N, C-alpha and C. Protein backbone atom coordinates (compact mmCIF):
# COMPACT_ATOMS: atom_id res chain seq x y z
N MET A 1 40.32 39.05 -59.93
CA MET A 1 39.78 38.98 -58.59
C MET A 1 38.66 37.95 -58.57
N LYS A 2 38.69 37.04 -57.59
CA LYS A 2 37.67 36.00 -57.47
C LYS A 2 36.86 36.24 -56.20
N ASN A 3 35.56 35.92 -56.29
CA ASN A 3 34.76 35.97 -55.07
C ASN A 3 34.80 34.60 -54.41
N ARG A 4 34.04 34.38 -53.37
CA ARG A 4 34.15 33.14 -52.61
C ARG A 4 33.63 31.92 -53.37
N PHE A 5 32.91 32.11 -54.49
CA PHE A 5 32.44 30.99 -55.29
C PHE A 5 33.41 30.64 -56.41
N GLY A 6 34.52 31.33 -56.50
CA GLY A 6 35.53 31.03 -57.50
C GLY A 6 35.23 31.65 -58.87
N ILE A 7 34.23 32.52 -58.95
CA ILE A 7 33.89 33.15 -60.22
C ILE A 7 34.55 34.52 -60.26
N ARG A 8 35.13 34.82 -61.36
CA ARG A 8 35.74 36.12 -61.49
C ARG A 8 34.65 37.19 -61.47
N VAL A 9 34.86 38.22 -60.70
CA VAL A 9 33.91 39.32 -60.60
C VAL A 9 33.75 40.01 -61.95
N ASN A 10 34.84 40.09 -62.73
CA ASN A 10 34.77 40.74 -64.04
C ASN A 10 33.76 40.04 -64.94
N VAL A 11 33.69 38.71 -64.88
CA VAL A 11 32.75 37.95 -65.69
C VAL A 11 31.33 38.30 -65.30
N VAL A 12 31.05 38.42 -64.03
CA VAL A 12 29.71 38.77 -63.56
C VAL A 12 29.33 40.18 -64.03
N VAL A 13 30.27 41.09 -63.92
CA VAL A 13 30.00 42.48 -64.35
C VAL A 13 29.71 42.50 -65.85
N VAL A 14 30.51 41.80 -66.64
CA VAL A 14 30.30 41.75 -68.08
C VAL A 14 28.94 41.15 -68.39
N MET A 15 28.57 40.08 -67.71
CA MET A 15 27.27 39.45 -67.95
C MET A 15 26.14 40.41 -67.63
N CYS A 16 26.25 41.17 -66.56
CA CYS A 16 25.22 42.16 -66.20
C CYS A 16 25.11 43.22 -67.29
N ILE A 17 26.23 43.66 -67.82
CA ILE A 17 26.21 44.67 -68.88
C ILE A 17 25.55 44.11 -70.13
N VAL A 18 25.91 42.87 -70.48
CA VAL A 18 25.33 42.24 -71.68
C VAL A 18 23.82 42.08 -71.51
N ILE A 19 23.38 41.60 -70.36
CA ILE A 19 21.94 41.44 -70.11
C ILE A 19 21.25 42.79 -70.18
N GLY A 20 21.87 43.81 -69.62
CA GLY A 20 21.30 45.16 -69.66
C GLY A 20 21.18 45.66 -71.09
N LEU A 21 22.21 45.40 -71.91
CA LEU A 21 22.16 45.83 -73.31
C LEU A 21 21.04 45.12 -74.06
N PHE A 22 20.90 43.80 -73.83
CA PHE A 22 19.83 43.08 -74.49
C PHE A 22 18.47 43.63 -74.07
N PHE A 23 18.32 43.96 -72.80
CA PHE A 23 17.07 44.54 -72.34
C PHE A 23 16.81 45.86 -73.02
N CYS A 24 17.82 46.72 -73.08
CA CYS A 24 17.67 48.03 -73.73
C CYS A 24 17.34 47.86 -75.20
N LEU A 25 18.05 46.95 -75.88
CA LEU A 25 17.79 46.73 -77.29
C LEU A 25 16.38 46.19 -77.50
N GLY A 26 15.95 45.31 -76.63
CA GLY A 26 14.60 44.78 -76.73
C GLY A 26 13.55 45.86 -76.57
N VAL A 27 13.74 46.74 -75.60
CA VAL A 27 12.79 47.84 -75.39
C VAL A 27 12.81 48.77 -76.58
N SER A 28 14.01 49.11 -77.08
CA SER A 28 14.12 49.99 -78.24
C SER A 28 13.47 49.35 -79.45
N SER A 29 13.70 48.05 -79.62
CA SER A 29 13.13 47.35 -80.76
C SER A 29 11.61 47.37 -80.70
N LEU A 30 11.05 47.15 -79.52
CA LEU A 30 9.59 47.19 -79.37
C LEU A 30 9.06 48.58 -79.66
N ALA A 31 9.75 49.60 -79.19
CA ALA A 31 9.32 50.98 -79.45
C ALA A 31 9.37 51.27 -80.94
N PHE A 32 10.44 50.80 -81.62
CA PHE A 32 10.56 51.02 -83.06
C PHE A 32 9.44 50.29 -83.80
N GLN A 33 9.16 49.04 -83.39
CA GLN A 33 8.11 48.28 -84.05
C GLN A 33 6.76 48.97 -83.87
N LYS A 34 6.51 49.52 -82.69
CA LYS A 34 5.24 50.20 -82.46
C LYS A 34 5.14 51.42 -83.36
N GLU A 35 6.26 52.20 -83.47
CA GLU A 35 6.25 53.38 -84.34
C GLU A 35 6.07 52.96 -85.79
N LYS A 36 6.74 51.88 -86.18
CA LYS A 36 6.67 51.41 -87.55
C LYS A 36 5.24 51.00 -87.91
N LYS A 37 4.53 50.40 -86.98
CA LYS A 37 3.17 49.95 -87.23
C LYS A 37 2.22 51.12 -87.44
N THR A 38 2.52 52.30 -86.87
CA THR A 38 1.62 53.43 -87.02
C THR A 38 1.73 54.08 -88.39
N LEU A 39 2.81 53.77 -89.14
CA LEU A 39 2.95 54.30 -90.48
C LEU A 39 2.01 53.52 -91.40
N MET A 40 1.18 54.25 -92.08
CA MET A 40 0.23 53.59 -92.98
C MET A 40 0.55 53.96 -94.42
N THR A 41 0.45 52.97 -95.28
CA THR A 41 0.60 53.22 -96.69
C THR A 41 -0.71 53.78 -97.21
N THR A 42 -0.61 54.85 -97.97
CA THR A 42 -1.78 55.48 -98.57
C THR A 42 -1.77 55.18 -100.06
N HIS A 43 -2.95 55.09 -100.63
CA HIS A 43 -3.09 54.76 -102.04
C HIS A 43 -3.65 55.95 -102.80
N ALA A 44 -3.11 56.19 -103.97
CA ALA A 44 -3.64 57.23 -104.86
C ALA A 44 -3.76 56.62 -106.25
N SER A 45 -4.78 57.03 -106.98
CA SER A 45 -4.95 56.52 -108.33
C SER A 45 -5.57 57.58 -109.22
N GLY A 46 -5.42 57.38 -110.49
CA GLY A 46 -5.99 58.31 -111.45
C GLY A 46 -5.41 58.09 -112.83
N THR A 47 -5.49 59.13 -113.64
CA THR A 47 -5.00 59.07 -115.01
C THR A 47 -3.96 60.17 -115.21
N PHE A 48 -3.25 60.07 -116.31
CA PHE A 48 -2.37 61.17 -116.69
C PHE A 48 -2.24 61.23 -118.20
N ASP A 49 -2.00 62.43 -118.68
CA ASP A 49 -1.72 62.68 -120.08
C ASP A 49 -0.22 62.95 -120.17
N VAL A 50 0.40 62.42 -121.21
CA VAL A 50 1.84 62.62 -121.36
C VAL A 50 2.16 63.04 -122.79
N LYS A 51 3.05 64.02 -122.88
CA LYS A 51 3.57 64.45 -124.17
C LYS A 51 5.05 64.07 -124.18
N VAL A 52 5.43 63.21 -125.11
CA VAL A 52 6.81 62.76 -125.26
C VAL A 52 7.37 63.41 -126.52
N THR A 53 8.42 64.22 -126.35
CA THR A 53 9.01 64.95 -127.47
C THR A 53 10.45 64.50 -127.70
N PRO A 54 10.74 63.97 -128.89
CA PRO A 54 12.13 63.57 -129.18
C PRO A 54 13.06 64.79 -129.12
N GLN A 55 14.23 64.59 -128.56
CA GLN A 55 15.25 65.63 -128.49
C GLN A 55 16.35 65.29 -129.48
N GLY A 56 16.93 66.29 -130.05
CA GLY A 56 18.01 66.07 -131.01
C GLY A 56 19.23 65.46 -130.34
N THR A 57 20.02 64.75 -131.13
CA THR A 57 21.28 64.19 -130.63
C THR A 57 22.41 64.75 -131.48
N ASP A 58 23.62 64.70 -130.97
CA ASP A 58 24.79 65.17 -131.69
C ASP A 58 25.27 64.14 -132.71
N GLU A 59 24.86 62.91 -132.55
CA GLU A 59 25.34 61.83 -133.41
C GLU A 59 24.31 61.52 -134.50
N LYS A 60 24.79 61.26 -135.70
CA LYS A 60 23.88 60.93 -136.80
C LYS A 60 23.25 59.55 -136.61
N ASP A 61 24.04 58.60 -136.10
CA ASP A 61 23.56 57.23 -135.91
C ASP A 61 23.37 56.94 -134.42
N ALA A 62 22.67 57.80 -133.74
CA ALA A 62 22.48 57.64 -132.30
C ALA A 62 21.73 56.34 -132.00
N VAL A 63 22.25 55.58 -131.06
CA VAL A 63 21.62 54.33 -130.64
C VAL A 63 20.60 54.61 -129.53
N VAL A 64 20.94 55.55 -128.65
CA VAL A 64 20.08 55.90 -127.52
C VAL A 64 19.25 57.13 -127.90
N GLY A 65 17.94 57.01 -127.74
CA GLY A 65 17.05 58.15 -127.99
C GLY A 65 16.85 58.95 -126.72
N ARG A 66 16.75 60.27 -126.88
CA ARG A 66 16.53 61.16 -125.74
C ARG A 66 15.20 61.88 -125.97
N PHE A 67 14.37 61.94 -124.91
CA PHE A 67 13.04 62.51 -125.04
C PHE A 67 12.73 63.40 -123.83
N SER A 68 11.96 64.46 -124.06
CA SER A 68 11.46 65.25 -122.93
C SER A 68 10.05 64.76 -122.61
N LEU A 69 9.69 64.83 -121.33
CA LEU A 69 8.37 64.38 -120.86
C LEU A 69 7.63 65.56 -120.24
N ASP A 70 6.38 65.74 -120.61
CA ASP A 70 5.48 66.70 -119.97
C ASP A 70 4.21 65.96 -119.62
N LYS A 71 3.87 65.94 -118.33
CA LYS A 71 2.69 65.19 -117.89
C LYS A 71 1.69 66.09 -117.15
N GLN A 72 0.44 65.71 -117.25
CA GLN A 72 -0.65 66.29 -116.47
C GLN A 72 -1.30 65.12 -115.72
N PHE A 73 -1.26 65.18 -114.38
CA PHE A 73 -1.88 64.14 -113.56
C PHE A 73 -3.29 64.55 -113.15
N HIS A 74 -4.18 63.57 -113.13
CA HIS A 74 -5.58 63.79 -112.72
C HIS A 74 -5.95 62.71 -111.70
N GLY A 75 -6.82 63.05 -110.77
CA GLY A 75 -7.25 62.09 -109.77
C GLY A 75 -6.70 62.46 -108.41
N ASP A 76 -6.29 61.45 -107.63
CA ASP A 76 -5.75 61.69 -106.29
C ASP A 76 -4.45 62.49 -106.33
N LEU A 77 -3.72 62.35 -107.43
CA LEU A 77 -2.54 63.19 -107.69
C LEU A 77 -2.95 64.15 -108.79
N SER A 78 -2.94 65.42 -108.46
CA SER A 78 -3.34 66.45 -109.42
C SER A 78 -2.19 67.43 -109.57
N GLY A 79 -1.62 67.47 -110.77
CA GLY A 79 -0.49 68.37 -110.98
C GLY A 79 0.20 68.10 -112.29
N THR A 80 1.45 68.55 -112.37
CA THR A 80 2.23 68.43 -113.59
C THR A 80 3.60 67.83 -113.27
N SER A 81 4.26 67.39 -114.32
CA SER A 81 5.65 66.97 -114.16
C SER A 81 6.40 67.27 -115.45
N LYS A 82 7.69 67.44 -115.28
CA LYS A 82 8.63 67.62 -116.39
C LYS A 82 9.74 66.61 -116.17
N GLY A 83 10.20 66.00 -117.27
CA GLY A 83 11.25 65.01 -117.12
C GLY A 83 12.02 64.75 -118.39
N VAL A 84 12.98 63.85 -118.27
CA VAL A 84 13.81 63.42 -119.38
C VAL A 84 13.86 61.90 -119.38
N MET A 85 13.79 61.33 -120.59
CA MET A 85 13.82 59.88 -120.74
C MET A 85 14.90 59.51 -121.76
N LEU A 86 15.63 58.44 -121.47
CA LEU A 86 16.57 57.84 -122.42
C LEU A 86 16.04 56.45 -122.74
N ALA A 87 16.03 56.09 -124.03
CA ALA A 87 15.47 54.80 -124.43
C ALA A 87 16.33 54.18 -125.53
N ILE A 88 16.26 52.85 -125.58
CA ILE A 88 16.98 52.11 -126.61
C ILE A 88 16.14 50.91 -127.01
N SER A 89 16.14 50.63 -128.31
CA SER A 89 15.49 49.43 -128.84
C SER A 89 16.57 48.46 -129.26
N THR A 90 16.21 47.19 -129.35
CA THR A 90 17.17 46.19 -129.80
C THR A 90 16.75 45.65 -131.15
N ALA A 91 17.57 44.79 -131.71
CA ALA A 91 17.24 44.16 -132.99
C ALA A 91 16.12 43.14 -132.85
N VAL A 92 15.84 42.70 -131.63
CA VAL A 92 14.76 41.74 -131.38
C VAL A 92 13.45 42.50 -131.20
N SER A 93 12.48 42.17 -131.99
CA SER A 93 11.18 42.85 -131.93
C SER A 93 10.57 42.74 -130.53
N GLY A 94 10.13 43.87 -129.99
CA GLY A 94 9.49 43.90 -128.68
C GLY A 94 10.44 43.95 -127.50
N SER A 95 11.74 44.11 -127.75
CA SER A 95 12.71 44.22 -126.65
C SER A 95 13.31 45.62 -126.66
N ALA A 96 13.29 46.27 -125.49
CA ALA A 96 13.78 47.64 -125.37
C ALA A 96 13.99 47.96 -123.89
N GLY A 97 14.54 49.14 -123.63
CA GLY A 97 14.72 49.58 -122.25
C GLY A 97 14.68 51.09 -122.18
N TYR A 98 14.34 51.60 -120.99
CA TYR A 98 14.37 53.04 -120.79
C TYR A 98 14.63 53.38 -119.34
N VAL A 99 15.14 54.58 -119.15
CA VAL A 99 15.28 55.18 -117.82
C VAL A 99 14.73 56.60 -117.95
N ALA A 100 14.18 57.11 -116.86
CA ALA A 100 13.64 58.48 -116.88
C ALA A 100 13.67 59.06 -115.47
N MET A 101 13.77 60.36 -115.43
CA MET A 101 13.67 61.12 -114.18
C MET A 101 12.65 62.22 -114.42
N GLU A 102 11.77 62.44 -113.44
CA GLU A 102 10.80 63.53 -113.59
C GLU A 102 10.55 64.21 -112.25
N GLN A 103 10.27 65.49 -112.32
CA GLN A 103 9.94 66.31 -111.15
C GLN A 103 8.44 66.58 -111.18
N VAL A 104 7.74 66.14 -110.15
CA VAL A 104 6.28 66.29 -110.05
C VAL A 104 5.97 67.45 -109.11
N SER A 105 5.01 68.26 -109.50
CA SER A 105 4.56 69.38 -108.67
C SER A 105 3.04 69.36 -108.63
N GLY A 106 2.46 69.38 -107.41
CA GLY A 106 1.00 69.38 -107.35
C GLY A 106 0.47 69.01 -105.98
N MET A 107 -0.74 68.43 -106.01
CA MET A 107 -1.46 68.03 -104.80
C MET A 107 -1.61 66.50 -104.81
N LEU A 108 -1.24 65.88 -103.70
CA LEU A 108 -1.38 64.44 -103.53
C LEU A 108 -2.32 64.20 -102.36
N ASN A 109 -3.54 63.78 -102.66
CA ASN A 109 -4.55 63.56 -101.62
C ASN A 109 -4.62 64.75 -100.66
N GLY A 110 -4.66 65.96 -101.21
CA GLY A 110 -4.82 67.17 -100.40
C GLY A 110 -3.55 67.78 -99.85
N ARG A 111 -2.40 67.19 -100.10
CA ARG A 111 -1.12 67.73 -99.64
C ARG A 111 -0.37 68.31 -100.83
N SER A 112 0.16 69.52 -100.67
CA SER A 112 0.86 70.15 -101.79
C SER A 112 2.37 70.07 -101.62
N GLY A 113 3.05 70.04 -102.75
CA GLY A 113 4.50 70.01 -102.74
C GLY A 113 5.05 69.45 -104.03
N THR A 114 6.31 69.08 -103.99
CA THR A 114 6.97 68.49 -105.15
C THR A 114 7.68 67.21 -104.72
N PHE A 115 7.98 66.37 -105.70
CA PHE A 115 8.80 65.17 -105.47
C PHE A 115 9.30 64.68 -106.82
N ALA A 116 10.32 63.84 -106.78
CA ALA A 116 10.91 63.31 -108.01
C ALA A 116 10.60 61.82 -108.14
N LEU A 117 10.40 61.39 -109.37
CA LEU A 117 10.19 59.97 -109.68
C LEU A 117 11.33 59.47 -110.56
N GLN A 118 11.76 58.25 -110.28
CA GLN A 118 12.81 57.59 -111.06
C GLN A 118 12.20 56.35 -111.71
N HIS A 119 12.34 56.24 -113.04
CA HIS A 119 11.80 55.12 -113.81
C HIS A 119 12.93 54.22 -114.30
N THR A 120 12.69 52.93 -114.25
CA THR A 120 13.55 51.95 -114.90
C THR A 120 12.61 50.94 -115.55
N GLY A 121 12.67 50.87 -116.87
CA GLY A 121 11.75 49.97 -117.56
C GLY A 121 12.45 49.16 -118.62
N SER A 122 11.92 47.97 -118.85
CA SER A 122 12.42 47.14 -119.94
C SER A 122 11.27 46.31 -120.49
N MET A 123 11.48 45.84 -121.71
CA MET A 123 10.51 44.96 -122.33
C MET A 123 11.29 43.83 -122.98
N THR A 124 10.92 42.62 -122.64
CA THR A 124 11.56 41.44 -123.21
C THR A 124 10.57 40.75 -124.12
N ARG A 125 10.77 40.91 -125.43
CA ARG A 125 9.88 40.32 -126.44
C ARG A 125 8.41 40.59 -126.14
N GLY A 126 8.13 41.83 -125.75
CA GLY A 126 6.75 42.27 -125.51
C GLY A 126 6.29 42.18 -124.07
N ALA A 127 7.04 41.54 -123.19
CA ALA A 127 6.67 41.44 -121.77
C ALA A 127 7.31 42.60 -121.00
N PRO A 128 6.49 43.55 -120.52
CA PRO A 128 7.05 44.73 -119.85
C PRO A 128 7.41 44.49 -118.39
N GLN A 129 8.41 45.21 -117.94
CA GLN A 129 8.78 45.26 -116.53
C GLN A 129 9.10 46.71 -116.22
N LEU A 130 8.44 47.26 -115.20
CA LEU A 130 8.58 48.69 -114.91
C LEU A 130 8.71 48.90 -113.41
N ASN A 131 9.63 49.78 -113.04
CA ASN A 131 9.82 50.16 -111.65
C ASN A 131 9.87 51.68 -111.59
N VAL A 132 8.89 52.29 -110.92
CA VAL A 132 8.84 53.74 -110.76
C VAL A 132 8.78 54.02 -109.26
N THR A 133 9.82 54.68 -108.74
CA THR A 133 9.88 54.95 -107.30
C THR A 133 10.15 56.42 -107.04
N VAL A 134 9.76 56.85 -105.85
CA VAL A 134 10.04 58.21 -105.40
C VAL A 134 11.53 58.28 -105.06
N VAL A 135 12.21 59.30 -105.56
CA VAL A 135 13.62 59.51 -105.23
C VAL A 135 13.69 59.85 -103.74
N PRO A 136 14.52 59.15 -102.96
CA PRO A 136 14.59 59.42 -101.52
C PRO A 136 14.88 60.88 -101.20
N ASP A 137 14.15 61.40 -100.22
CA ASP A 137 14.31 62.76 -99.71
C ASP A 137 14.05 63.84 -100.76
N SER A 138 13.26 63.51 -101.79
CA SER A 138 12.96 64.52 -102.82
C SER A 138 11.68 65.30 -102.53
N GLY A 139 10.87 64.87 -101.57
CA GLY A 139 9.63 65.55 -101.28
C GLY A 139 9.85 66.91 -100.61
N THR A 140 9.03 67.89 -101.02
CA THR A 140 9.08 69.22 -100.42
C THR A 140 7.69 69.62 -99.95
N GLY A 141 7.63 70.70 -99.17
CA GLY A 141 6.35 71.20 -98.67
C GLY A 141 5.67 70.15 -97.82
N GLU A 142 4.38 69.96 -98.04
CA GLU A 142 3.62 68.96 -97.29
C GLU A 142 3.92 67.53 -97.73
N LEU A 143 4.77 67.39 -98.74
CA LEU A 143 5.17 66.06 -99.21
C LEU A 143 6.58 65.69 -98.76
N ALA A 144 7.16 66.49 -97.87
CA ALA A 144 8.47 66.14 -97.30
C ALA A 144 8.34 64.81 -96.57
N GLY A 145 9.29 63.92 -96.76
CA GLY A 145 9.26 62.59 -96.14
C GLY A 145 8.52 61.56 -96.97
N LEU A 146 8.15 61.91 -98.21
CA LEU A 146 7.42 61.00 -99.10
C LEU A 146 8.32 59.88 -99.61
N SER A 147 7.79 58.67 -99.61
CA SER A 147 8.43 57.53 -100.28
C SER A 147 7.31 56.69 -100.88
N GLY A 148 7.64 55.93 -101.90
CA GLY A 148 6.61 55.09 -102.48
C GLY A 148 6.95 54.55 -103.84
N LYS A 149 5.99 53.82 -104.39
CA LYS A 149 6.14 53.16 -105.69
C LYS A 149 4.89 53.41 -106.51
N MET A 150 5.09 53.74 -107.78
CA MET A 150 3.98 53.99 -108.69
C MET A 150 3.95 52.92 -109.77
N ASP A 151 2.76 52.40 -110.02
CA ASP A 151 2.55 51.48 -111.13
C ASP A 151 1.83 52.24 -112.24
N ILE A 152 2.26 52.01 -113.46
CA ILE A 152 1.66 52.67 -114.62
C ILE A 152 1.10 51.61 -115.55
N LYS A 153 -0.12 51.82 -115.99
CA LYS A 153 -0.76 50.93 -116.95
C LYS A 153 -1.25 51.77 -118.12
N ILE A 154 -1.19 51.19 -119.32
CA ILE A 154 -1.70 51.84 -120.51
C ILE A 154 -2.73 50.92 -121.12
N THR A 155 -3.97 51.41 -121.20
CA THR A 155 -5.07 50.63 -121.76
C THR A 155 -5.74 51.46 -122.84
N ASP A 156 -5.81 50.90 -124.04
CA ASP A 156 -6.42 51.60 -125.18
C ASP A 156 -5.87 53.02 -125.34
N GLY A 157 -4.57 53.17 -125.15
CA GLY A 157 -3.92 54.46 -125.34
C GLY A 157 -4.07 55.43 -124.18
N LYS A 158 -4.80 55.05 -123.13
CA LYS A 158 -5.01 55.92 -121.97
C LYS A 158 -4.07 55.46 -120.85
N HIS A 159 -3.42 56.44 -120.18
CA HIS A 159 -2.45 56.16 -119.11
C HIS A 159 -3.12 56.24 -117.73
N PHE A 160 -2.86 55.21 -116.91
CA PHE A 160 -3.38 55.14 -115.54
C PHE A 160 -2.22 54.96 -114.57
N TYR A 161 -2.38 55.50 -113.35
CA TYR A 161 -1.37 55.28 -112.32
C TYR A 161 -2.03 54.75 -111.06
N GLU A 162 -1.29 53.93 -110.34
CA GLU A 162 -1.63 53.44 -109.00
C GLU A 162 -0.40 53.76 -108.15
N PHE A 163 -0.56 54.54 -107.10
CA PHE A 163 0.57 55.05 -106.33
C PHE A 163 0.38 54.68 -104.87
N ASP A 164 1.25 53.83 -104.33
CA ASP A 164 1.24 53.47 -102.92
C ASP A 164 2.40 54.20 -102.25
N TYR A 165 2.10 54.97 -101.22
CA TYR A 165 3.13 55.82 -100.62
C TYR A 165 2.94 55.99 -99.12
N THR A 166 3.99 56.45 -98.47
CA THR A 166 3.95 56.85 -97.06
C THR A 166 4.63 58.20 -96.96
N ILE A 167 4.26 58.94 -95.93
CA ILE A 167 4.93 60.20 -95.62
C ILE A 167 5.38 60.12 -94.18
N VAL A 168 6.69 60.10 -93.98
CA VAL A 168 7.29 60.02 -92.65
C VAL A 168 7.81 61.41 -92.33
N PRO A 169 7.39 61.99 -91.22
CA PRO A 169 7.90 63.33 -90.86
C PRO A 169 9.43 63.34 -90.84
N THR A 170 10.01 64.33 -91.47
CA THR A 170 11.47 64.43 -91.51
C THR A 170 11.98 65.16 -90.26
N PRO A 171 13.19 64.78 -89.82
CA PRO A 171 13.75 65.41 -88.61
C PRO A 171 14.12 66.87 -88.84
């Protein structure tokens, strides 16, 4: 169907719908950006003590070592954790890798609950690389909606953590 200007009415209707969708998406995007800006990253820091205990393996010549982890956190994060670590060394001095999972229970800047941490670490000829993140949707209690990244430093045998995190209310 054509109007008196020779333009198909369907084209005009489609254009109006497209413009309307862009407007709606723009408004939604602005609302999302405003909500996103209100989320603030919080910082926690302190020390922790860790007990690493080798676990037995079924193989006599095991290449991968298995260890249990018991931690006590002090500072902005106050609590305990239990975990398991798998590690391997290479023939090259100072090169190794590990993965670990741990369940943390305690108080984080006044909020109580639990959450899980996932570690992935490697060392290339003495140069360390470490990634410790909160397992998605693992927070409970007042820590539900927790996400973040923890940095771990070891100085003179003492363990330190720096933890940047957000807590987004869960639906």
